[in-house]
Amino acid sequence: FCGERIKKELIPKEYIQKYSIDNLLWWPLPNAWRLVYTIISNKDKLVAAIVGYSNHKNYERRFKY
């Protein structure tokens, strides 16, 4: 796992409904952008799925920081 976990109470409801996720992490990108991803477990595999990316300002709005 890379980056930092986003607290479950801060995961947007639209992400939970749209992607059926229960974990979310973020990774810093150049120029203050953020990559948001989730880890999906399958029987034998772990898959990192990118949920989105945004600049710092939009990231803060979406996650209510």
PDB file of N, CA and C in Angstrom:
ATOM      1  N   PHE A   1       0.845  -1.176   0.000  1.00  0.00           N
ATOM      2  CA  PHE A   1       0.000   0.000   0.000  1.00  0.00           C
ATOM      3  C   PHE A   1       0.893   1.243   0.000  1.00  0.00           C
ATOM      4  N   CYS A   2       0.506   2.189  -0.808  1.00  0.00           N
ATOM      5  CA  CYS A   2       1.240   3.452  -0.885  1.00  0.00           C
ATOM      6  C   CYS A   2       0.280   4.586  -0.550  1.00  0.00           C
ATOM      7  N   GLY A   3       0.829   5.679  -0.090  1.00  0.00           N
ATOM      8  CA  GLY A   3      -0.005   6.831   0.217  1.00  0.00           C
ATOM      9  C   GLY A   3      -0.624   6.726   1.589  1.00  0.00           C
ATOM     10  N   GLU A   4      -1.692   7.477   1.763  1.00  0.00           N
ATOM     11  CA  GLU A   4      -2.367   7.517   3.060  1.00  0.00           C
ATOM     12  C   GLU A   4      -3.823   7.110   2.921  1.00  0.00           C
ATOM     13  N   ARG A   5      -4.303   6.424   3.943  1.00  0.00           N
ATOM     14  CA  ARG A   5      -5.716   6.034   3.954  1.00  0.00           C
ATOM     15  C   ARG A   5      -6.597   7.247   4.199  1.00  0.00           C
ATOM     16  N   ILE A   6      -7.742   7.225   3.576  1.00  0.00           N
ATOM     17  CA  ILE A   6      -8.773   8.236   3.818  1.00  0.00           C
ATOM     18  C   ILE A   6      -9.750   7.609   4.810  1.00  0.00           C
ATOM     19  N   LYS A   7     -10.046   8.323   5.874  1.00  0.00           N
ATOM     20  CA  LYS A   7     -10.949   7.792   6.897  1.00  0.00           C
ATOM     21  C   LYS A   7     -12.277   7.399   6.263  1.00  0.00           C
ATOM     22  N   LYS A   8     -12.836   6.290   6.736  1.00  0.00           N
ATOM     23  CA  LYS A   8     -14.077   5.773   6.156  1.00  0.00           C
ATOM     24  C   LYS A   8     -15.206   6.796   6.191  1.00  0.00           C
ATOM     25  N   GLU A   9     -15.273   7.575   7.256  1.00  0.00           N
ATOM     26  CA  GLU A   9     -16.359   8.565   7.340  1.00  0.00           C
ATOM     27  C   GLU A   9     -16.188   9.703   6.339  1.00  0.00           C
ATOM     28  N   LEU A  10     -14.995   9.839   5.752  1.00  0.00           N
ATOM     29  CA  LEU A  10     -14.752  10.895   4.763  1.00  0.00           C
ATOM     30  C   LEU A  10     -14.894  10.411   3.321  1.00  0.00           C
ATOM     31  N   ILE A  11     -15.084   9.102   3.113  1.00  0.00           N
ATOM     32  CA  ILE A  11     -15.267   8.594   1.759  1.00  0.00           C
ATOM     33  C   ILE A  11     -16.613   9.110   1.245  1.00  0.00           C
ATOM     34  N   PRO A  12     -16.612   9.806   0.099  1.00  0.00           N
ATOM     35  CA  PRO A  12     -17.879  10.325  -0.425  1.00  0.00           C
ATOM     36  C   PRO A  12     -18.886   9.209  -0.693  1.00  0.00           C
ATOM     37  N   LYS A  13     -20.134   9.460  -0.334  1.00  0.00           N
ATOM     38  CA  LYS A  13     -21.189   8.464  -0.519  1.00  0.00           C
ATOM     39  C   LYS A  13     -21.320   8.052  -1.982  1.00  0.00           C
ATOM     40  N   GLU A  14     -21.059   8.998  -2.888  1.00  0.00           N
ATOM     41  CA  GLU A  14     -21.153   8.660  -4.314  1.00  0.00           C
ATOM     42  C   GLU A  14     -20.132   7.598  -4.708  1.00  0.00           C
ATOM     43  N   TYR A  15     -18.964   7.605  -4.086  1.00  0.00           N
ATOM     44  CA  TYR A  15     -17.952   6.575  -4.361  1.00  0.00           C
ATOM     45  C   TYR A  15     -18.404   5.218  -3.839  1.00  0.00           C
ATOM     46  N   ILE A  16     -18.988   5.216  -2.661  1.00  0.00           N
ATOM     47  CA  ILE A  16     -19.461   3.970  -2.055  1.00  0.00           C
ATOM     48  C   ILE A  16     -20.571   3.371  -2.918  1.00  0.00           C
ATOM     49  N   GLN A  17     -21.513   4.204  -3.359  1.00  0.00           N
ATOM     50  CA  GLN A  17     -22.622   3.716  -4.172  1.00  0.00           C
ATOM     51  C   GLN A  17     -22.169   3.308  -5.573  1.00  0.00           C
ATOM     52  N   LYS A  18     -21.340   4.123  -6.196  1.00  0.00           N
ATOM     53  CA  LYS A  18     -20.936   3.888  -7.582  1.00  0.00           C
ATOM     54  C   LYS A  18     -19.952   2.727  -7.719  1.00  0.00           C
ATOM     55  N   TYR A  19     -18.990   2.636  -6.790  1.00  0.00           N
ATOM     56  CA  TYR A  19     -17.926   1.646  -6.906  1.00  0.00           C
ATOM     57  C   TYR A  19     -17.999   0.531  -5.866  1.00  0.00           C
ATOM     58  N   SER A  20     -18.926   0.605  -4.926  1.00  0.00           N
ATOM     59  CA  SER A  20     -19.061  -0.387  -3.847  1.00  0.00           C
ATOM     60  C   SER A  20     -17.736  -0.605  -3.119  1.00  0.00           C
ATOM     61  N   ILE A  21     -17.104   0.490  -2.713  1.00  0.00           N
ATOM     62  CA  ILE A  21     -15.817   0.401  -2.039  1.00  0.00           C
ATOM     63  C   ILE A  21     -15.964   0.639  -0.543  1.00  0.00           C
ATOM     64  N   ASP A  22     -15.026   0.092   0.201  1.00  0.00           N
ATOM     65  CA  ASP A  22     -15.005   0.346   1.638  1.00  0.00           C
ATOM     66  C   ASP A  22     -13.623   0.806   2.102  1.00  0.00           C
ATOM     67  N   ASN A  23     -12.714   1.028   1.152  1.00  0.00           N
ATOM     68  CA  ASN A  23     -11.401   1.566   1.489  1.00  0.00           C
ATOM     69  C   ASN A  23     -10.974   2.524   0.388  1.00  0.00           C
ATOM     70  N   LEU A  24     -10.242   3.542   0.772  1.00  0.00           N
ATOM     71  CA  LEU A  24      -9.800   4.545  -0.179  1.00  0.00           C
ATOM     72  C   LEU A  24      -8.482   5.120   0.316  1.00  0.00           C
ATOM     73  N   LEU A  25      -7.562   5.308  -0.609  1.00  0.00           N
ATOM     74  CA  LEU A  25      -6.252   5.850  -0.286  1.00  0.00           C
ATOM     75  C   LEU A  25      -5.933   6.972  -1.255  1.00  0.00           C
ATOM     76  N   TRP A  26      -4.985   7.828  -0.859  1.00  0.00           N
ATOM     77  CA  TRP A  26      -4.555   8.881  -1.773  1.00  0.00           C
ATOM     78  C   TRP A  26      -3.037   8.898  -1.842  1.00  0.00           C
ATOM     79  N   TRP A  27      -2.550   9.359  -2.979  1.00  0.00           N
ATOM     80  CA  TRP A  27      -1.115   9.443  -3.232  1.00  0.00           C
ATOM     81  C   TRP A  27      -0.830  10.825  -3.812  1.00  0.00           C
ATOM     82  N   PRO A  28       0.167  11.534  -3.276  1.00  0.00           N
ATOM     83  CA  PRO A  28       0.481  12.864  -3.814  1.00  0.00           C
ATOM     84  C   PRO A  28       1.147  12.775  -5.185  1.00  0.00           C
ATOM     85  N   LEU A  29       0.726  13.645  -6.073  1.00  0.00           N
ATOM     86  CA  LEU A  29       1.302  13.758  -7.415  1.00  0.00           C
ATOM     87  C   LEU A  29       1.986  15.122  -7.533  1.00  0.00           C
ATOM     88  N   PRO A  30       2.797  15.324  -8.558  1.00  0.00           N
ATOM     89  CA  PRO A  30       3.449  16.630  -8.741  1.00  0.00           C
ATOM     90  C   PRO A  30       2.433  17.775  -8.868  1.00  0.00           C
ATOM     91  N   ASN A  31       2.887  18.966  -8.532  1.00  0.00           N
ATOM     92  CA  ASN A  31       2.081  20.190  -8.635  1.00  0.00           C
ATOM     93  C   ASN A  31       0.813  20.151  -7.786  1.00  0.00           C
ATOM     94  N   ALA A  32       0.905  19.513  -6.637  1.00  0.00           N
ATOM     95  CA  ALA A  32      -0.186  19.461  -5.642  1.00  0.00           C
ATOM     96  C   ALA A  32      -1.433  18.733  -6.139  1.00  0.00           C
ATOM     97  N   TRP A  33      -1.291  17.777  -7.030  1.00  0.00           N
ATOM     98  CA  TRP A  33      -2.403  16.939  -7.453  1.00  0.00           C
ATOM     99  C   TRP A  33      -2.464  15.718  -6.560  1.00  0.00           C
ATOM    100  N   ARG A  34      -3.626  15.073  -6.494  1.00  0.00           N
ATOM    101  CA  ARG A  34      -3.841  13.892  -5.666  1.00  0.00           C
ATOM    102  C   ARG A  34      -4.444  12.771  -6.514  1.00  0.00           C
ATOM    103  N   LEU A  35      -3.901  11.575  -6.348  1.00  0.00           N
ATOM    104  CA  LEU A  35      -4.445  10.376  -6.973  1.00  0.00           C
ATOM    105  C   LEU A  35      -5.216   9.631  -5.899  1.00  0.00           C
ATOM    106  N   VAL A  36      -6.442   9.241  -6.185  1.00  0.00           N
ATOM    107  CA  VAL A  36      -7.276   8.525  -5.226  1.00  0.00           C
ATOM    108  C   VAL A  36      -7.517   7.125  -5.787  1.00  0.00           C
ATOM    109  N   TYR A  37      -7.249   6.108  -4.959  1.00  0.00           N
ATOM    110  CA  TYR A  37      -7.410   4.737  -5.433  1.00  0.00           C
ATOM    111  C   TYR A  37      -7.952   3.840  -4.326  1.00  0.00           C
ATOM    112  N   THR A  38      -8.425   2.677  -4.730  1.00  0.00           N
ATOM    113  CA  THR A  38      -8.934   1.689  -3.799  1.00  0.00           C
ATOM    114  C   THR A  38      -8.239   0.359  -4.065  1.00  0.00           C
ATOM    115  N   ILE A  39      -8.248  -0.501  -3.094  1.00  0.00           N
ATOM    116  CA  ILE A  39      -7.696  -1.843  -3.231  1.00  0.00           C
ATOM    117  C   ILE A  39      -8.865  -2.820  -3.265  1.00  0.00           C
ATOM    118  N   ILE A  40      -8.897  -3.629  -4.310  1.00  0.00           N
ATOM    119  CA  ILE A  40      -9.948  -4.631  -4.474  1.00  0.00           C
ATOM    120  C   ILE A  40      -9.296  -5.993  -4.314  1.00  0.00           C
ATOM    121  N   SER A  41      -9.865  -6.818  -3.465  1.00  0.00           N
ATOM    122  CA  SER A  41      -9.307  -8.161  -3.293  1.00  0.00           C
ATOM    123  C   SER A  41     -10.178  -9.173  -4.020  1.00  0.00           C
ATOM    124  N   ASN A  42      -9.490 -10.036  -4.737  1.00  0.00           N
ATOM    125  CA  ASN A  42     -10.113 -11.141  -5.435  1.00  0.00           C
ATOM    126  C   ASN A  42      -9.588 -12.394  -4.750  1.00  0.00           C
ATOM    127  N   LYS A  43     -10.037 -13.547  -5.089  1.00  0.00           N
ATOM    128  CA  LYS A  43      -9.597 -14.769  -4.415  1.00  0.00           C
ATOM    129  C   LYS A  43      -8.083 -14.842  -4.256  1.00  0.00           C
ATOM    130  N   ASP A  44      -7.362 -14.645  -5.318  1.00  0.00           N
ATOM    131  CA  ASP A  44      -5.908 -14.801  -5.281  1.00  0.00           C
ATOM    132  C   ASP A  44      -5.141 -13.516  -5.528  1.00  0.00           C
ATOM    133  N   LYS A  45      -5.844 -12.408  -5.751  1.00  0.00           N
ATOM    134  CA  LYS A  45      -5.161 -11.187  -6.178  1.00  0.00           C
ATOM    135  C   LYS A  45      -5.612  -9.967  -5.388  1.00  0.00           C
ATOM    136  N   LEU A  46      -4.725  -8.991  -5.334  1.00  0.00           N
ATOM    137  CA  LEU A  46      -5.064  -7.646  -4.874  1.00  0.00           C
ATOM    138  C   LEU A  46      -4.890  -6.733  -6.079  1.00  0.00           C
ATOM    139  N   VAL A  47      -5.867  -5.901  -6.321  1.00  0.00           N
ATOM    140  CA  VAL A  47      -5.828  -5.001  -7.468  1.00  0.00           C
ATOM    141  C   VAL A  47      -6.010  -3.570  -6.978  1.00  0.00           C
ATOM    142  N   ALA A  48      -5.139  -2.683  -7.428  1.00  0.00           N
ATOM    143  CA  ALA A  48      -5.290  -1.261  -7.136  1.00  0.00           C
ATOM    144  C   ALA A  48      -6.083  -0.640  -8.284  1.00  0.00           C
ATOM    145  N   ALA A  49      -7.213  -0.047  -7.972  1.00  0.00           N
ATOM    146  CA  ALA A  49      -8.067   0.569  -8.980  1.00  0.00           C
ATOM    147  C   ALA A  49      -8.117   2.075  -8.747  1.00  0.00           C
ATOM    148  N   ILE A  50      -7.759   2.835  -9.758  1.00  0.00           N
ATOM    149  CA  ILE A  50      -7.783   4.294  -9.648  1.00  0.00           C
ATOM    150  C   ILE A  50      -9.228   4.776  -9.708  1.00  0.00           C
ATOM    151  N   VAL A  51      -9.605   5.546  -8.715  1.00  0.00           N
ATOM    152  CA  VAL A  51     -10.952   6.102  -8.644  1.00  0.00           C
ATOM    153  C   VAL A  51     -10.974   7.480  -9.295  1.00  0.00           C
ATOM    154  N   GLY A  52      -9.894   8.236  -9.140  1.00  0.00           N
ATOM    155  CA  GLY A  52      -9.829   9.555  -9.751  1.00  0.00           C
ATOM    156  C   GLY A  52      -8.582  10.301  -9.334  1.00  0.00           C
ATOM    157  N   TYR A  53      -8.449  11.486  -9.877  1.00  0.00           N
ATOM    158  CA  TYR A  53      -7.363  12.379  -9.503  1.00  0.00           C
ATOM    159  C   TYR A  53      -7.867  13.805  -9.620  1.00  0.00           C
ATOM    160  N   SER A  54      -7.285  14.683  -8.840  1.00  0.00           N
ATOM    161  CA  SER A  54      -7.719  16.079  -8.880  1.00  0.00           C
ATOM    162  C   SER A  54      -6.637  16.958  -8.274  1.00  0.00           C
ATOM    163  N   ASN A  55      -6.793  18.257  -8.496  1.00  0.00           N
ATOM    164  CA  ASN A  55      -5.853  19.177  -7.865  1.00  0.00           C
ATOM    165  C   ASN A  55      -6.197  19.276  -6.373  1.00  0.00           C
ATOM    166  N   HIS A  56      -5.308  19.879  -5.633  1.00  0.00           N
ATOM    167  CA  HIS A  56      -5.453  19.924  -4.176  1.00  0.00           C
ATOM    168  C   HIS A  56      -6.744  20.622  -3.745  1.00  0.00           C
ATOM    169  N   LYS A  57      -7.086  21.693  -4.415  1.00  0.00           N
ATOM    170  CA  LYS A  57      -8.283  22.461  -4.052  1.00  0.00           C
ATOM    171  C   LYS A  57      -9.549  21.606  -4.208  1.00  0.00           C
ATOM    172  N   ASN A  58      -9.694  20.932  -5.327  1.00  0.00           N
ATOM    173  CA  ASN A  58     -10.872  20.089  -5.558  1.00  0.00           C
ATOM    174  C   ASN A  58     -10.873  18.867  -4.631  1.00  0.00           C
ATOM    175  N   TYR A  59      -9.691  18.337  -4.358  1.00  0.00           N
ATOM    176  CA  TYR A  59      -9.566  17.213  -3.433  1.00  0.00           C
ATOM    177  C   TYR A  59     -10.088  17.615  -2.049  1.00  0.00           C
ATOM    178  N   GLU A  60      -9.670  18.780  -1.570  1.00  0.00           N
ATOM    179  CA  GLU A  60     -10.122  19.245  -0.256  1.00  0.00           C
ATOM    180  C   GLU A  60     -11.630  19.451  -0.214  1.00  0.00           C
ATOM    181  N   ARG A  61     -12.198  19.956  -1.276  1.00  0.00           N
ATOM    182  CA  ARG A  61     -13.658  20.150  -1.332  1.00  0.00           C
ATOM    183  C   ARG A  61     -14.384  18.810  -1.275  1.00  0.00           C
ATOM    184  N   ARG A  62     -13.918  17.863  -2.083  1.00  0.00           N
ATOM    185  CA  ARG A  62     -14.590  16.575  -2.165  1.00  0.00           C
ATOM    186  C   ARG A  62     -14.543  15.824  -0.839  1.00  0.00           C
ATOM    187  N   PHE A  63     -13.408  15.877  -0.142  1.00  0.00           N
ATOM    188  CA  PHE A  63     -13.249  15.123   1.090  1.00  0.00           C
ATOM    189  C   PHE A  63     -13.450  15.967   2.341  1.00  0.00           C
ATOM    190  N   LYS A  64     -13.910  17.198   2.142  1.00  0.00           N
ATOM    191  CA  LYS A  64     -14.305  18.092   3.238  1.00  0.00           C
ATOM    192  C   LYS A  64     -13.202  18.304   4.263  1.00  0.00           C
ATOM    193  N   TYR A  65     -12.001  18.610   3.776  1.00  0.00           N
ATOM    194  CA  TYR A  65     -10.885  18.942   4.663  1.00  0.00           C
ATOM    195  C   TYR A  65     -10.875  20.416   4.944  1.00  0.00           C
TER     196      TYR A  65
END
